[in-house]
């Protein structure tokens, strides 16, 4: 099995990669947009909104939660999800810093 070189990159690069990976699926983007609009919801609310099964939605919610973009509070037999505002703002800052880097234009085509 191939070994990963992930740990050889600095913490900021690792975090940016984790955020981008979490956002790299259209279903996860749709889930985040839905959570922003609704403020909070349970998994079945997302299932009603998206053309995906409950198990698939649960997997996407898990990935977003692991990345720190959302949080889930247990409310009896169900979990209520919402944007983790503190982590969301940290993620926004990391992504903004990455995209605000000055790119030097060149006359050459590559």
PDB file of N, CA and C in Angstrom:
ATOM      1  N   UNK A   1       0.832  -1.177   0.000  1.00  0.00           N
ATOM      2  CA  UNK A   1       0.000   0.000   0.000  1.00  0.00           C
ATOM      3  C   UNK A   1       0.884   1.251   0.000  1.00  0.00           C
ATOM      4  N   UNK A   2       0.519   2.227  -0.798  1.00  0.00           N
ATOM      5  CA  UNK A   2       1.301   3.451  -0.899  1.00  0.00           C
ATOM      6  C   UNK A   2       1.170   4.257   0.391  1.00  0.00           C
ATOM      7  N   UNK A   3       2.257   4.901   0.776  1.00  0.00           N
ATOM      8  CA  UNK A   3       2.211   5.750   1.962  1.00  0.00           C
ATOM      9  C   UNK A   3       1.900   7.171   1.529  1.00  0.00           C
ATOM     10  N   UNK A   4       1.255   7.910   2.396  1.00  0.00           N
ATOM     11  CA  UNK A   4       0.862   9.272   2.076  1.00  0.00           C
ATOM     12  C   UNK A   4       1.934  10.258   2.514  1.00  0.00           C
ATOM     13  N   UNK A   5       2.034  11.338   1.786  1.00  0.00           N
ATOM     14  CA  UNK A   5       2.965  12.409   2.120  1.00  0.00           C
ATOM     15  C   UNK A   5       2.218  13.604   2.721  1.00  0.00           C
ATOM     16  N   UNK A   6       0.942  13.406   3.043  1.00  0.00           N
ATOM     17  CA  UNK A   6       0.089  14.470   3.554  1.00  0.00           C
ATOM     18  C   UNK A   6       0.727  15.192   4.736  1.00  0.00           C
ATOM     19  N   UNK A   7       1.306  14.451   5.635  1.00  0.00           N
ATOM     20  CA  UNK A   7       1.862  15.039   6.857  1.00  0.00           C
ATOM     21  C   UNK A   7       3.118  15.868   6.597  1.00  0.00           C
ATOM     22  N   UNK A   8       3.672  15.775   5.408  1.00  0.00           N
ATOM     23  CA  UNK A   8       4.870  16.546   5.091  1.00  0.00           C
ATOM     24  C   UNK A   8       4.559  17.983   4.662  1.00  0.00           C
ATOM     25  N   UNK A   9       3.284  18.294   4.517  1.00  0.00           N
ATOM     26  CA  UNK A   9       2.873  19.653   4.168  1.00  0.00           C
ATOM     27  C   UNK A   9       2.503  20.400   5.438  1.00  0.00           C
ATOM     28  N   UNK A  10       2.609  21.749   5.384  1.00  0.00           N
ATOM     29  CA  UNK A  10       2.342  22.508   6.602  1.00  0.00           C
ATOM     30  C   UNK A  10       0.858  22.452   6.976  1.00  0.00           C
ATOM     31  N   UNK A  11       0.571  22.842   8.200  1.00  0.00           N
ATOM     32  CA  UNK A  11      -0.786  22.736   8.767  1.00  0.00           C
ATOM     33  C   UNK A  11      -1.800  23.526   7.934  1.00  0.00           C
ATOM     34  N   UNK A  12      -1.428  24.713   7.469  1.00  0.00           N
ATOM     35  CA  UNK A  12      -2.361  25.527   6.680  1.00  0.00           C
ATOM     36  C   UNK A  12      -2.700  24.839   5.360  1.00  0.00           C
ATOM     37  N   UNK A  13      -1.707  24.250   4.723  1.00  0.00           N
ATOM     38  CA  UNK A  13      -1.954  23.526   3.466  1.00  0.00           C
ATOM     39  C   UNK A  13      -2.831  22.303   3.709  1.00  0.00           C
ATOM     40  N   UNK A  14      -2.600  21.608   4.804  1.00  0.00           N
ATOM     41  CA  UNK A  14      -3.405  20.435   5.139  1.00  0.00           C
ATOM     42  C   UNK A  14      -4.864  20.831   5.394  1.00  0.00           C
ATOM     43  N   UNK A  15      -5.065  21.905   6.150  1.00  0.00           N
ATOM     44  CA  UNK A  15      -6.424  22.351   6.481  1.00  0.00           C
ATOM     45  C   UNK A  15      -7.165  22.802   5.228  1.00  0.00           C
ATOM     46  N   UNK A  16      -6.481  23.556   4.352  1.00  0.00           N
ATOM     47  CA  UNK A  16      -7.103  23.999   3.111  1.00  0.00           C
ATOM     48  C   UNK A  16      -7.507  22.793   2.265  1.00  0.00           C
ATOM     49  N   UNK A  17      -6.635  21.804   2.174  1.00  0.00           N
ATOM     50  CA  UNK A  17      -6.940  20.597   1.404  1.00  0.00           C
ATOM     51  C   UNK A  17      -8.136  19.857   1.994  1.00  0.00           C
ATOM     52  N   UNK A  18      -8.210  19.772   3.314  1.00  0.00           N
ATOM     53  CA  UNK A  18      -9.345  19.101   3.970  1.00  0.00           C
ATOM     54  C   UNK A  18     -10.654  19.838   3.696  1.00  0.00           C
ATOM     55  N   UNK A  19     -10.609  21.169   3.744  1.00  0.00           N
ATOM     56  CA  UNK A  19     -11.804  21.961   3.458  1.00  0.00           C
ATOM     57  C   UNK A  19     -12.239  21.775   2.015  1.00  0.00           C
ATOM     58  N   UNK A  20     -11.284  21.847   1.105  1.00  0.00           N
ATOM     59  CA  UNK A  20     -11.610  21.695  -0.317  1.00  0.00           C
ATOM     60  C   UNK A  20     -12.161  20.306  -0.604  1.00  0.00           C
ATOM     61  N   UNK A  21     -11.608  19.302   0.029  1.00  0.00           N
ATOM     62  CA  UNK A  21     -12.102  17.936  -0.145  1.00  0.00           C
ATOM     63  C   UNK A  21     -13.543  17.834   0.343  1.00  0.00           C
ATOM     64  N   UNK A  22     -13.828  18.447   1.485  1.00  0.00           N
ATOM     65  CA  UNK A  22     -15.192  18.407   2.034  1.00  0.00           C
ATOM     66  C   UNK A  22     -16.179  19.131   1.128  1.00  0.00           C
ATOM     67  N   UNK A  23     -15.709  20.142   0.424  1.00  0.00           N
ATOM     68  CA  UNK A  23     -16.585  20.918  -0.455  1.00  0.00           C
ATOM     69  C   UNK A  23     -16.600  20.395  -1.894  1.00  0.00           C
ATOM     70  N   UNK A  24     -15.863  19.332  -2.151  1.00  0.00           N
ATOM     71  CA  UNK A  24     -15.651  18.860  -3.521  1.00  0.00           C
ATOM     72  C   UNK A  24     -16.757  17.945  -4.043  1.00  0.00           C
ATOM     73  N   UNK A  25     -17.934  18.066  -3.519  1.00  0.00           N
ATOM     74  CA  UNK A  25     -19.060  17.275  -4.024  1.00  0.00           C
ATOM     75  C   UNK A  25     -20.293  18.186  -4.085  1.00  0.00           C
ATOM     76  N   UNK A  26     -21.003  18.176  -5.197  1.00  0.00           N
ATOM     77  CA  UNK A  26     -22.165  19.073  -5.310  1.00  0.00           C
ATOM     78  C   UNK A  26     -23.240  18.827  -4.252  1.00  0.00           C
ATOM     79  N   UNK A  27     -23.366  17.606  -3.782  1.00  0.00           N
ATOM     80  CA  UNK A  27     -24.358  17.330  -2.732  1.00  0.00           C
ATOM     81  C   UNK A  27     -23.987  18.069  -1.448  1.00  0.00           C
ATOM     82  N   UNK A  28     -22.705  18.137  -1.137  1.00  0.00           N
ATOM     83  CA  UNK A  28     -22.277  18.825   0.085  1.00  0.00           C
ATOM     84  C   UNK A  28     -22.485  20.329  -0.042  1.00  0.00           C
ATOM     85  N   UNK A  29     -22.244  20.854  -1.228  1.00  0.00           N
ATOM     86  CA  UNK A  29     -22.522  22.288  -1.467  1.00  0.00           C
ATOM     87  C   UNK A  29     -24.019  22.537  -1.273  1.00  0.00           C
ATOM     88  N   UNK A  30     -24.847  21.666  -1.829  1.00  0.00           N
ATOM     89  CA  UNK A  30     -26.304  21.817  -1.682  1.00  0.00           C
ATOM     90  C   UNK A  30     -26.727  21.711  -0.225  1.00  0.00           C
ATOM     91  N   UNK A  31     -26.123  20.810   0.522  1.00  0.00           N
ATOM     92  CA  UNK A  31     -26.446  20.664   1.946  1.00  0.00           C
ATOM     93  C   UNK A  31     -26.087  21.935   2.698  1.00  0.00           C
ATOM     94  N   UNK A  32     -24.917  22.489   2.424  1.00  0.00           N
ATOM     95  CA  UNK A  32     -24.499  23.723   3.101  1.00  0.00           C
ATOM     96  C   UNK A  32     -25.443  24.862   2.750  1.00  0.00           C
ATOM     97  N   UNK A  33     -25.790  24.995   1.474  1.00  0.00           N
ATOM     98  CA  UNK A  33     -26.727  26.045   1.071  1.00  0.00           C
ATOM     99  C   UNK A  33     -28.066  25.878   1.779  1.00  0.00           C
ATOM    100  N   UNK A  34     -28.531  24.645   1.897  1.00  0.00           N
ATOM    101  CA  UNK A  34     -29.784  24.362   2.585  1.00  0.00           C
ATOM    102  C   UNK A  34     -29.694  24.734   4.061  1.00  0.00           C
ATOM    103  N   UNK A  35     -28.584  24.386   4.705  1.00  0.00           N
ATOM    104  CA  UNK A  35     -28.403  24.726   6.123  1.00  0.00           C
ATOM    105  C   UNK A  35     -28.316  26.235   6.331  1.00  0.00           C
ATOM    106  N   UNK A  36     -27.675  26.929   5.413  1.00  0.00           N
ATOM    107  CA  UNK A  36     -27.603  28.389   5.523  1.00  0.00           C
ATOM    108  C   UNK A  36     -29.016  28.983   5.439  1.00  0.00           C
ATOM    109  N   UNK A  37     -29.809  28.460   4.513  1.00  0.00           N
ATOM    110  CA  UNK A  37     -31.169  28.964   4.326  1.00  0.00           C
ATOM    111  C   UNK A  37     -32.082  28.611   5.503  1.00  0.00           C
ATOM    112  N   UNK A  38     -31.985  27.372   6.003  1.00  0.00           N
ATOM    113  CA  UNK A  38     -32.894  26.899   7.051  1.00  0.00           C
ATOM    114  C   UNK A  38     -32.394  27.146   8.474  1.00  0.00           C
ATOM    115  N   UNK A  39     -31.130  27.501   8.621  1.00  0.00           N
ATOM    116  CA  UNK A  39     -30.481  27.718   9.926  1.00  0.00           C
ATOM    117  C   UNK A  39     -30.133  26.400  10.625  1.00  0.00           C
ATOM    118  N   UNK A  40     -31.079  25.470  10.678  1.00  0.00           N
ATOM    119  CA  UNK A  40     -30.838  24.156  11.283  1.00  0.00           C
ATOM    120  C   UNK A  40     -31.872  23.181  10.745  1.00  0.00           C
ATOM    121  N   UNK A  41     -31.513  21.913  10.746  1.00  0.00           N
ATOM    122  CA  UNK A  41     -32.453  20.892  10.289  1.00  0.00           C
ATOM    123  C   UNK A  41     -31.955  19.513  10.694  1.00  0.00           C
ATOM    124  N   UNK A  42     -32.804  18.537  10.516  1.00  0.00           N
ATOM    125  CA  UNK A  42     -32.414  17.148  10.759  1.00  0.00           C
ATOM    126  C   UNK A  42     -32.178  16.481   9.407  1.00  0.00           C
ATOM    127  N   UNK A  43     -31.574  15.312   9.435  1.00  0.00           N
ATOM    128  CA  UNK A  43     -31.199  14.604   8.219  1.00  0.00           C
ATOM    129  C   UNK A  43     -32.386  14.418   7.273  1.00  0.00           C
ATOM    130  N   UNK A  44     -33.536  14.051   7.819  1.00  0.00           N
ATOM    131  CA  UNK A  44     -34.703  13.797   6.953  1.00  0.00           C
ATOM    132  C   UNK A  44     -35.143  15.049   6.200  1.00  0.00           C
ATOM    133  N   UNK A  45     -34.912  16.233   6.764  1.00  0.00           N
ATOM    134  CA  UNK A  45     -35.215  17.483   6.056  1.00  0.00           C
ATOM    135  C   UNK A  45     -34.341  17.605   4.812  1.00  0.00           C
ATOM    136  N   UNK A  46     -33.065  17.247   4.954  1.00  0.00           N
ATOM    137  CA  UNK A  46     -32.134  17.311   3.826  1.00  0.00           C
ATOM    138  C   UNK A  46     -32.516  16.266   2.779  1.00  0.00           C
ATOM    139  N   UNK A  47     -32.905  15.085   3.231  1.00  0.00           N
ATOM    140  CA  UNK A  47     -33.309  14.014   2.314  1.00  0.00           C
ATOM    141  C   UNK A  47     -34.501  14.463   1.466  1.00  0.00           C
ATOM    142  N   UNK A  48     -35.434  15.185   2.070  1.00  0.00           N
ATOM    143  CA  UNK A  48     -36.600  15.692   1.327  1.00  0.00           C
ATOM    144  C   UNK A  48     -36.181  16.724   0.280  1.00  0.00           C
ATOM    145  N   UNK A  49     -35.098  17.437   0.543  1.00  0.00           N
ATOM    146  CA  UNK A  49     -34.632  18.508  -0.338  1.00  0.00           C
ATOM    147  C   UNK A  49     -33.792  17.988  -1.507  1.00  0.00           C
ATOM    148  N   UNK A  50     -33.015  16.942  -1.283  1.00  0.00           N
ATOM    149  CA  UNK A  50     -32.065  16.452  -2.284  1.00  0.00           C
ATOM    150  C   UNK A  50     -32.509  15.120  -2.886  1.00  0.00           C
ATOM    151  N   UNK A  51     -32.064  14.837  -4.103  1.00  0.00           N
ATOM    152  CA  UNK A  51     -32.431  13.569  -4.741  1.00  0.00           C
ATOM    153  C   UNK A  51     -31.494  12.431  -4.322  1.00  0.00           C
ATOM    154  N   UNK A  52     -31.310  12.278  -3.022  1.00  0.00           N
ATOM    155  CA  UNK A  52     -30.385  11.279  -2.489  1.00  0.00           C
ATOM    156  C   UNK A  52     -31.060  10.475  -1.391  1.00  0.00           C
ATOM    157  N   UNK A  53     -30.559   9.271  -1.191  1.00  0.00           N
ATOM    158  CA  UNK A  53     -31.099   8.421  -0.120  1.00  0.00           C
ATOM    159  C   UNK A  53     -30.653   8.949   1.241  1.00  0.00           C
ATOM    160  N   UNK A  54     -31.331   8.469   2.273  1.00  0.00           N
ATOM    161  CA  UNK A  54     -31.001   8.883   3.641  1.00  0.00           C
ATOM    162  C   UNK A  54     -29.570   8.495   3.996  1.00  0.00           C
ATOM    163  N   UNK A  55     -29.146   7.300   3.601  1.00  0.00           N
ATOM    164  CA  UNK A  55     -27.788   6.861   3.951  1.00  0.00           C
ATOM    165  C   UNK A  55     -26.726   7.706   3.250  1.00  0.00           C
ATOM    166  N   UNK A  56     -26.996   8.107   2.013  1.00  0.00           N
ATOM    167  CA  UNK A  56     -26.049   8.954   1.279  1.00  0.00           C
ATOM    168  C   UNK A  56     -25.970  10.342   1.911  1.00  0.00           C
ATOM    169  N   UNK A  57     -27.116  10.903   2.253  1.00  0.00           N
ATOM    170  CA  UNK A  57     -27.139  12.215   2.921  1.00  0.00           C
ATOM    171  C   UNK A  57     -26.388  12.135   4.244  1.00  0.00           C
ATOM    172  N   UNK A  58     -26.591  11.063   4.992  1.00  0.00           N
ATOM    173  CA  UNK A  58     -25.893  10.891   6.269  1.00  0.00           C
ATOM    174  C   UNK A  58     -24.380  10.880   6.073  1.00  0.00           C
ATOM    175  N   UNK A  59     -23.914  10.208   5.035  1.00  0.00           N
ATOM    176  CA  UNK A  59     -22.472  10.169   4.743  1.00  0.00           C
ATOM    177  C   UNK A  59     -21.939  11.561   4.418  1.00  0.00           C
ATOM    178  N   UNK A  60     -22.692  12.315   3.633  1.00  0.00           N
ATOM    179  CA  UNK A  60     -22.260  13.678   3.289  1.00  0.00           C
ATOM    180  C   UNK A  60     -22.259  14.580   4.528  1.00  0.00           C
ATOM    181  N   UNK A  61     -23.260  14.441   5.367  1.00  0.00           N
ATOM    182  CA  UNK A  61     -23.298  15.210   6.616  1.00  0.00           C
ATOM    183  C   UNK A  61     -22.096  14.858   7.492  1.00  0.00           C
ATOM    184  N   UNK A  62     -21.755  13.592   7.535  1.00  0.00           N
ATOM    185  CA  UNK A  62     -20.601  13.145   8.321  1.00  0.00           C
ATOM    186  C   UNK A  62     -19.316  13.787   7.804  1.00  0.00           C
ATOM    187  N   UNK A  63     -19.136  13.833   6.495  1.00  0.00           N
ATOM    188  CA  UNK A  63     -17.936  14.451   5.912  1.00  0.00           C
ATOM    189  C   UNK A  63     -17.868  15.940   6.240  1.00  0.00           C
ATOM    190  N   UNK A  64     -18.991  16.623   6.138  1.00  0.00           N
ATOM    191  CA  UNK A  64     -19.022  18.053   6.455  1.00  0.00           C
ATOM    192  C   UNK A  64     -18.752  18.291   7.936  1.00  0.00           C
ATOM    193  N   UNK A  65     -19.266  17.411   8.762  1.00  0.00           N
ATOM    194  CA  UNK A  65     -19.041  17.525  10.204  1.00  0.00           C
ATOM    195  C   UNK A  65     -17.574  17.252  10.537  1.00  0.00           C
ATOM    196  N   UNK A  66     -16.994  16.225   9.932  1.00  0.00           N
ATOM    197  CA  UNK A  66     -15.584  15.909  10.162  1.00  0.00           C
ATOM    198  C   UNK A  66     -14.667  17.051   9.732  1.00  0.00           C
ATOM    199  N   UNK A  67     -15.064  17.766   8.690  1.00  0.00           N
ATOM    200  CA  UNK A  67     -14.279  18.907   8.221  1.00  0.00           C
ATOM    201  C   UNK A  67     -14.476  20.135   9.110  1.00  0.00           C
ATOM    202  N   UNK A  68     -15.478  20.080   9.984  1.00  0.00           N
ATOM    203  CA  UNK A  68     -15.721  21.176  10.911  1.00  0.00           C
ATOM    204  C   UNK A  68     -16.620  22.265  10.374  1.00  0.00           C
ATOM    205  N   UNK A  69     -17.218  22.053   9.208  1.00  0.00           N
ATOM    206  CA  UNK A  69     -18.065  23.092   8.633  1.00  0.00           C
ATOM    207  C   UNK A  69     -19.462  23.119   9.250  1.00  0.00           C
ATOM    208  N   UNK A  70     -19.918  21.973   9.723  1.00  0.00           N
ATOM    209  CA  UNK A  70     -21.224  21.904  10.379  1.00  0.00           C
ATOM    210  C   UNK A  70     -21.070  21.193  11.716  1.00  0.00           C
ATOM    211  N   UNK A  71     -22.091  21.325  12.534  1.00  0.00           N
ATOM    212  CA  UNK A  71     -22.116  20.587  13.795  1.00  0.00           C
ATOM    213  C   UNK A  71     -23.492  19.962  13.941  1.00  0.00           C
ATOM    214  N   UNK A  72     -23.544  18.938  14.749  1.00  0.00           N
ATOM    215  CA  UNK A  72     -24.802  18.246  14.973  1.00  0.00           C
ATOM    216  C   UNK A  72     -25.022  18.026  16.449  1.00  0.00           C
ATOM    217  N   UNK A  73     -26.148  18.465  16.932  1.00  0.00           N
ATOM    218  CA  UNK A  73     -26.520  18.288  18.331  1.00  0.00           C
ATOM    219  C   UNK A  73     -27.579  17.203  18.432  1.00  0.00           C
ATOM    220  N   UNK A  74     -27.360  16.262  19.327  1.00  0.00           N
ATOM    221  CA  UNK A  74     -28.301  15.165  19.510  1.00  0.00           C
ATOM    222  C   UNK A  74     -29.534  15.683  20.237  1.00  0.00           C
ATOM    223  N   UNK A  75     -30.680  15.427  19.622  1.00  0.00           N
ATOM    224  CA  UNK A  75     -31.966  15.843  20.186  1.00  0.00           C
ATOM    225  C   UNK A  75     -32.859  14.604  20.219  1.00  0.00           C
ATOM    226  N   UNK A  76     -32.741  13.858  21.291  1.00  0.00           N
ATOM    227  CA  UNK A  76     -33.478  12.596  21.375  1.00  0.00           C
ATOM    228  C   UNK A  76     -32.921  11.603  20.365  1.00  0.00           C
ATOM    229  N   UNK A  77     -33.799  11.005  19.544  1.00  0.00           N
ATOM    230  CA  UNK A  77     -33.343   9.999  18.592  1.00  0.00           C
ATOM    231  C   UNK A  77     -32.759  10.589  17.296  1.00  0.00           C
ATOM    232  N   UNK A  78     -32.708  11.895  17.175  1.00  0.00           N
ATOM    233  CA  UNK A  78     -32.218  12.500  15.937  1.00  0.00           C
ATOM    234  C   UNK A  78     -31.142  13.537  16.211  1.00  0.00           C
ATOM    235  N   UNK A  79     -30.468  13.925  15.138  1.00  0.00           N
ATOM    236  CA  UNK A  79     -29.397  14.914  15.240  1.00  0.00           C
ATOM    237  C   UNK A  79     -29.831  16.164  14.478  1.00  0.00           C
ATOM    238  N   UNK A  80     -29.726  17.297  15.130  1.00  0.00           N
ATOM    239  CA  UNK A  80     -30.058  18.578  14.518  1.00  0.00           C
ATOM    240  C   UNK A  80     -28.761  19.212  14.020  1.00  0.00           C
ATOM    241  N   UNK A  81     -28.674  19.473  12.715  1.00  0.00           N
ATOM    242  CA  UNK A  81     -27.456  20.018  12.102  1.00  0.00           C
ATOM    243  C   UNK A  81     -27.580  21.506  11.842  1.00  0.00           C
ATOM    244  N   UNK A  82     -26.437  22.186  11.940  1.00  0.00           N
ATOM    245  CA  UNK A  82     -26.366  23.602  11.603  1.00  0.00           C
ATOM    246  C   UNK A  82     -24.923  23.941  11.226  1.00  0.00           C
ATOM    247  N   UNK A  83     -24.747  25.117  10.651  1.00  0.00           N
ATOM    248  CA  UNK A  83     -23.409  25.595  10.335  1.00  0.00           C
ATOM    249  C   UNK A  83     -22.695  25.874  11.656  1.00  0.00           C
ATOM    250  N   UNK A  84     -21.449  25.422  11.770  1.00  0.00           N
ATOM    251  CA  UNK A  84     -20.618  25.751  12.933  1.00  0.00           C
ATOM    252  C   UNK A  84     -19.984  27.101  12.615  1.00  0.00           C
ATOM    253  N   UNK A  85     -20.577  28.162  13.119  1.00  0.00           N
ATOM    254  CA  UNK A  85     -20.189  29.518  12.734  1.00  0.00           C
ATOM    255  C   UNK A  85     -18.718  29.822  13.004  1.00  0.00           C
ATOM    256  N   UNK A  86     -18.204  29.384  14.137  1.00  0.00           N
ATOM    257  CA  UNK A  86     -16.801  29.635  14.453  1.00  0.00           C
ATOM    258  C   UNK A  86     -15.888  28.950  13.431  1.00  0.00           C
ATOM    259  N   UNK A  87     -16.142  27.672  13.168  1.00  0.00           N
ATOM    260  CA  UNK A  87     -15.329  26.924  12.197  1.00  0.00           C
ATOM    261  C   UNK A  87     -15.554  27.446  10.779  1.00  0.00           C
ATOM    262  N   UNK A  88     -16.793  27.856  10.484  1.00  0.00           N
ATOM    263  CA  UNK A  88     -17.123  28.411   9.165  1.00  0.00           C
ATOM    264  C   UNK A  88     -16.276  29.661   8.903  1.00  0.00           C
ATOM    265  N   UNK A  89     -16.195  30.541   9.897  1.00  0.00           N
ATOM    266  CA  UNK A  89     -15.404  31.765   9.737  1.00  0.00           C
ATOM    267  C   UNK A  89     -13.915  31.461   9.604  1.00  0.00           C
ATOM    268  N   UNK A  90     -13.433  30.454  10.330  1.00  0.00           N
ATOM    269  CA  UNK A  90     -12.034  30.036  10.174  1.00  0.00           C
ATOM    270  C   UNK A  90     -11.790  29.507   8.767  1.00  0.00           C
ATOM    271  N   UNK A  91     -12.716  28.699   8.259  1.00  0.00           N
ATOM    272  CA  UNK A  91     -12.587  28.148   6.906  1.00  0.00           C
ATOM    273  C   UNK A  91     -12.611  29.248   5.865  1.00  0.00           C
ATOM    274  N   UNK A  92     -13.493  30.207   6.050  1.00  0.00           N
ATOM    275  CA  UNK A  92     -13.580  31.337   5.118  1.00  0.00           C
ATOM    276  C   UNK A  92     -12.259  32.091   5.079  1.00  0.00           C
ATOM    277  N   UNK A  93     -11.668  32.307   6.236  1.00  0.00           N
ATOM    278  CA  UNK A  93     -10.389  33.014   6.315  1.00  0.00           C
ATOM    279  C   UNK A  93      -9.287  32.237   5.584  1.00  0.00           C
ATOM    280  N   UNK A  94      -9.231  30.920   5.810  1.00  0.00           N
ATOM    281  CA  UNK A  94      -8.212  30.079   5.169  1.00  0.00           C
ATOM    282  C   UNK A  94      -8.364  30.131   3.650  1.00  0.00           C
ATOM    283  N   UNK A  95      -9.601  30.025   3.176  1.00  0.00           N
ATOM    284  CA  UNK A  95      -9.850  30.045   1.728  1.00  0.00           C
ATOM    285  C   UNK A  95      -9.596  31.430   1.155  1.00  0.00           C
ATOM    286  N   UNK A  96     -10.010  32.479   1.875  1.00  0.00           N
ATOM    287  CA  UNK A  96      -9.757  33.854   1.417  1.00  0.00           C
ATOM    288  C   UNK A  96      -8.265  34.136   1.289  1.00  0.00           C
ATOM    289  N   UNK A  97      -7.484  33.703   2.253  1.00  0.00           N
ATOM    290  CA  UNK A  97      -6.033  33.912   2.207  1.00  0.00           C
ATOM    291  C   UNK A  97      -5.448  33.219   0.982  1.00  0.00           C
ATOM    292  N   UNK A  98      -5.887  31.992   0.731  1.00  0.00           N
ATOM    293  CA  UNK A  98      -5.374  31.249  -0.411  1.00  0.00           C
ATOM    294  C   UNK A  98      -5.695  31.963  -1.725  1.00  0.00           C
ATOM    295  N   UNK A  99      -6.946  32.401  -1.896  1.00  0.00           N
ATOM    296  CA  UNK A  99      -7.354  33.033  -3.147  1.00  0.00           C
ATOM    297  C   UNK A  99      -6.952  34.501  -3.261  1.00  0.00           C
ATOM    298  N   UNK A 100      -6.480  35.103  -2.183  1.00  0.00           N
ATOM    299  CA  UNK A 100      -6.049  36.498  -2.264  1.00  0.00           C
ATOM    300  C   UNK A 100      -4.566  36.633  -2.590  1.00  0.00           C
ATOM    301  N   UNK A 101      -3.891  35.506  -2.790  1.00  0.00           N
ATOM    302  CA  UNK A 101      -2.481  35.573  -3.167  1.00  0.00           C
ATOM    303  C   UNK A 101      -2.350  36.261  -4.521  1.00  0.00           C
ATOM    304  N   UNK A 102      -1.354  37.112  -4.617  1.00  0.00           N
ATOM    305  CA  UNK A 102      -1.142  37.832  -5.863  1.00  0.00           C
ATOM    306  C   UNK A 102      -0.542  36.868  -6.885  1.00  0.00           C
ATOM    307  N   UNK A 103      -1.176  36.844  -8.041  1.00  0.00           N
ATOM    308  CA  UNK A 103      -0.690  36.012  -9.136  1.00  0.00           C
ATOM    309  C   UNK A 103      -0.094  36.956 -10.172  1.00  0.00           C
ATOM    310  N   UNK A 104       1.161  36.715 -10.493  1.00  0.00           N
ATOM    311  CA  UNK A 104       1.853  37.566 -11.462  1.00  0.00           C
ATOM    312  C   UNK A 104       1.460  37.121 -12.865  1.00  0.00           C
ATOM    313  N   UNK A 105       0.971  38.095 -13.644  1.00  0.00           N
ATOM    314  CA  UNK A 105       0.568  37.779 -15.014  1.00  0.00           C
ATOM    315  C   UNK A 105       1.800  37.668 -15.889  1.00  0.00           C
ATOM    316  N   UNK A 106       1.700  36.843 -16.879  1.00  0.00           N
ATOM    317  CA  UNK A 106       2.801  36.619 -17.821  1.00  0.00           C
ATOM    318  C   UNK A 106       2.275  36.803 -19.228  1.00  0.00           C
ATOM    319  N   UNK A 107       3.130  37.288 -20.107  1.00  0.00           N
ATOM    320  CA  UNK A 107       2.763  37.442 -21.512  1.00  0.00           C
ATOM    321  C   UNK A 107       2.818  36.109 -22.246  1.00  0.00           C
ATOM    322  N   UNK A 108       3.462  35.149 -21.643  1.00  0.00           N
ATOM    323  CA  UNK A 108       3.588  33.823 -22.265  1.00  0.00           C
ATOM    324  C   UNK A 108       2.321  33.019 -22.027  1.00  0.00           C
ATOM    325  N   UNK A 109       2.012  32.195 -23.009  1.00  0.00           N
ATOM    326  CA  UNK A 109       0.908  31.262 -22.757  1.00  0.00           C
ATOM    327  C   UNK A 109       1.518  29.962 -22.279  1.00  0.00           C
ATOM    328  N   UNK A 110       0.824  29.302 -21.410  1.00  0.00           N
ATOM    329  CA  UNK A 110       1.370  28.049 -20.874  1.00  0.00           C
ATOM    330  C   UNK A 110       0.474  26.902 -21.177  1.00  0.00           C
TER     331      UNK A 110
END
